[in-house]
Amino acid sequence: MTSESLMLKDQKLSMSIKRYPNLSSTQILSVCLLAEVSKAKGSWWYPYLKQLPRQYETLSSFSNFETQALQ
């Protein structure tokens, strides 16, 4: 899956992204993923996307207390 391939298949998505030329490649990919998630079972990527975690935690999001608890 690439943002380019998804935008080739979805004209509405492509036009929406072109309205914001300053988006980074990460932001564009995020928008493309969200667009695919919104299609639910209508997305070819649905079986893969439904396996992704709904939330996750990384060290950068830990509070000071949680970081200190690791030490």
C-alpha atoms as a PDB file:
ATOM      1  CA  MET A   1       0.000   0.000   0.000  1.00  0.00           C
ATOM      2  CA  THR A   2       1.334   3.375  -0.947  1.00  0.00           C
ATOM      3  CA  SER A   3      -0.371   6.727  -0.778  1.00  0.00           C
ATOM      4  CA  GLU A   4       0.291   7.133  -4.506  1.00  0.00           C
ATOM      5  CA  SER A   5      -1.483   3.897  -5.421  1.00  0.00           C
ATOM      6  CA  LEU A   6      -4.455   4.745  -3.211  1.00  0.00           C
ATOM      7  CA  MET A   7      -4.769   8.227  -4.677  1.00  0.00           C
ATOM      8  CA  LEU A   8      -4.691   6.823  -8.228  1.00  0.00           C
ATOM      9  CA  LYS A   9      -7.707   4.675  -7.368  1.00  0.00           C
ATOM     10  CA  ASP A  10      -9.621   7.369  -5.466  1.00  0.00           C
ATOM     11  CA  GLN A  11     -10.061  10.667  -7.307  1.00  0.00           C
ATOM     12  CA  LYS A  12     -11.873  12.329  -4.377  1.00  0.00           C
ATOM     13  CA  LEU A  13      -9.018  11.462  -2.020  1.00  0.00           C
ATOM     14  CA  SER A  14      -6.447  12.663  -4.532  1.00  0.00           C
ATOM     15  CA  MET A  15      -8.191  15.999  -5.035  1.00  0.00           C
ATOM     16  CA  SER A  16      -8.554  16.489  -1.284  1.00  0.00           C
ATOM     17  CA  ILE A  17      -4.858  15.901  -0.649  1.00  0.00           C
ATOM     18  CA  LYS A  18      -3.818  18.190  -3.506  1.00  0.00           C
ATOM     19  CA  ARG A  19      -5.639  21.026  -1.728  1.00  0.00           C
ATOM     20  CA  TYR A  20      -2.974  20.835   0.998  1.00  0.00           C
ATOM     21  CA  PRO A  21       0.423  20.890  -0.746  1.00  0.00           C
ATOM     22  CA  ASN A  22       2.359  21.347   2.503  1.00  0.00           C
ATOM     23  CA  LEU A  23       1.411  17.952   3.939  1.00  0.00           C
ATOM     24  CA  SER A  24       4.359  15.709   4.724  1.00  0.00           C
ATOM     25  CA  SER A  25       4.538  12.209   3.264  1.00  0.00           C
ATOM     26  CA  THR A  26       3.651  10.817   6.696  1.00  0.00           C
ATOM     27  CA  GLN A  27       0.574  13.026   6.897  1.00  0.00           C
ATOM     28  CA  ILE A  28      -0.500  11.999   3.399  1.00  0.00           C
ATOM     29  CA  LEU A  29      -0.131   8.322   4.240  1.00  0.00           C
ATOM     30  CA  SER A  30      -2.119   8.870   7.449  1.00  0.00           C
ATOM     31  CA  VAL A  31      -4.947  10.515   5.514  1.00  0.00           C
ATOM     32  CA  CYS A  32      -4.917   7.662   2.992  1.00  0.00           C
ATOM     33  CA  LEU A  33      -5.068   5.075   5.771  1.00  0.00           C
ATOM     34  CA  LEU A  34      -7.955   6.888   7.445  1.00  0.00           C
ATOM     35  CA  ALA A  35      -9.790   7.022   4.116  1.00  0.00           C
ATOM     36  CA  GLU A  36      -9.358   3.263   3.709  1.00  0.00           C
ATOM     37  CA  VAL A  37     -10.475   2.596   7.290  1.00  0.00           C
ATOM     38  CA  SER A  38     -13.607   4.672   6.666  1.00  0.00           C
ATOM     39  CA  LYS A  39     -14.526   2.355   3.758  1.00  0.00           C
ATOM     40  CA  ALA A  40     -14.657  -0.591   6.209  1.00  0.00           C
ATOM     41  CA  LYS A  41     -15.471  -3.804   4.318  1.00  0.00           C
ATOM     42  CA  GLY A  42     -15.538  -1.837   1.063  1.00  0.00           C
ATOM     43  CA  SER A  43     -11.770  -1.461   1.251  1.00  0.00           C
ATOM     44  CA  TRP A  44      -9.527  -4.069  -0.321  1.00  0.00           C
ATOM     45  CA  TRP A  45      -7.245  -3.458   2.687  1.00  0.00           C
ATOM     46  CA  TYR A  46      -9.992  -4.185   5.262  1.00  0.00           C
ATOM     47  CA  PRO A  47      -8.670  -7.605   6.387  1.00  0.00           C
ATOM     48  CA  TYR A  48      -5.278  -6.058   7.105  1.00  0.00           C
ATOM     49  CA  LEU A  49      -6.551  -2.816   8.615  1.00  0.00           C
ATOM     50  CA  LYS A  50      -8.877  -4.554  11.072  1.00  0.00           C
ATOM     51  CA  GLN A  51      -5.839  -6.354  12.531  1.00  0.00           C
ATOM     52  CA  LEU A  52      -4.067  -3.109  13.418  1.00  0.00           C
ATOM     53  CA  PRO A  53      -4.241  -2.037  17.069  1.00  0.00           C
ATOM     54  CA  ARG A  54      -6.755   0.676  17.852  1.00  0.00           C
ATOM     55  CA  GLN A  55      -4.262   2.259  20.232  1.00  0.00           C
ATOM     56  CA  TYR A  56      -0.736   1.706  21.366  1.00  0.00           C
ATOM     57  CA  GLU A  57       1.715   3.223  23.760  1.00  0.00           C
ATOM     58  CA  THR A  58       5.244   4.284  23.014  1.00  0.00           C
ATOM     59  CA  LEU A  59       7.898   5.536  25.368  1.00  0.00           C
ATOM     60  CA  SER A  60       7.518   9.052  23.992  1.00  0.00           C
ATOM     61  CA  SER A  61       3.919   9.167  25.245  1.00  0.00           C
ATOM     62  CA  PHE A  62       4.725   7.980  28.782  1.00  0.00           C
ATOM     63  CA  SER A  63       4.266  10.353  31.709  1.00  0.00           C
ATOM     64  CA  ASN A  64       7.190  11.138  34.023  1.00  0.00           C
ATOM     65  CA  PHE A  65       5.804   8.667  36.552  1.00  0.00           C
ATOM     66  CA  GLU A  66       5.639   5.867  33.976  1.00  0.00           C
ATOM     67  CA  THR A  67       9.149   6.625  32.718  1.00  0.00           C
ATOM     68  CA  GLN A  68      10.558   6.582  36.256  1.00  0.00           C
ATOM     69  CA  ALA A  69       8.749   3.317  36.998  1.00  0.00           C
ATOM     70  CA  LEU A  70      10.735   1.669  34.204  1.00  0.00           C
ATOM     71  CA  GLN A  71      14.054   2.493  35.859  1.00  0.00           C
END
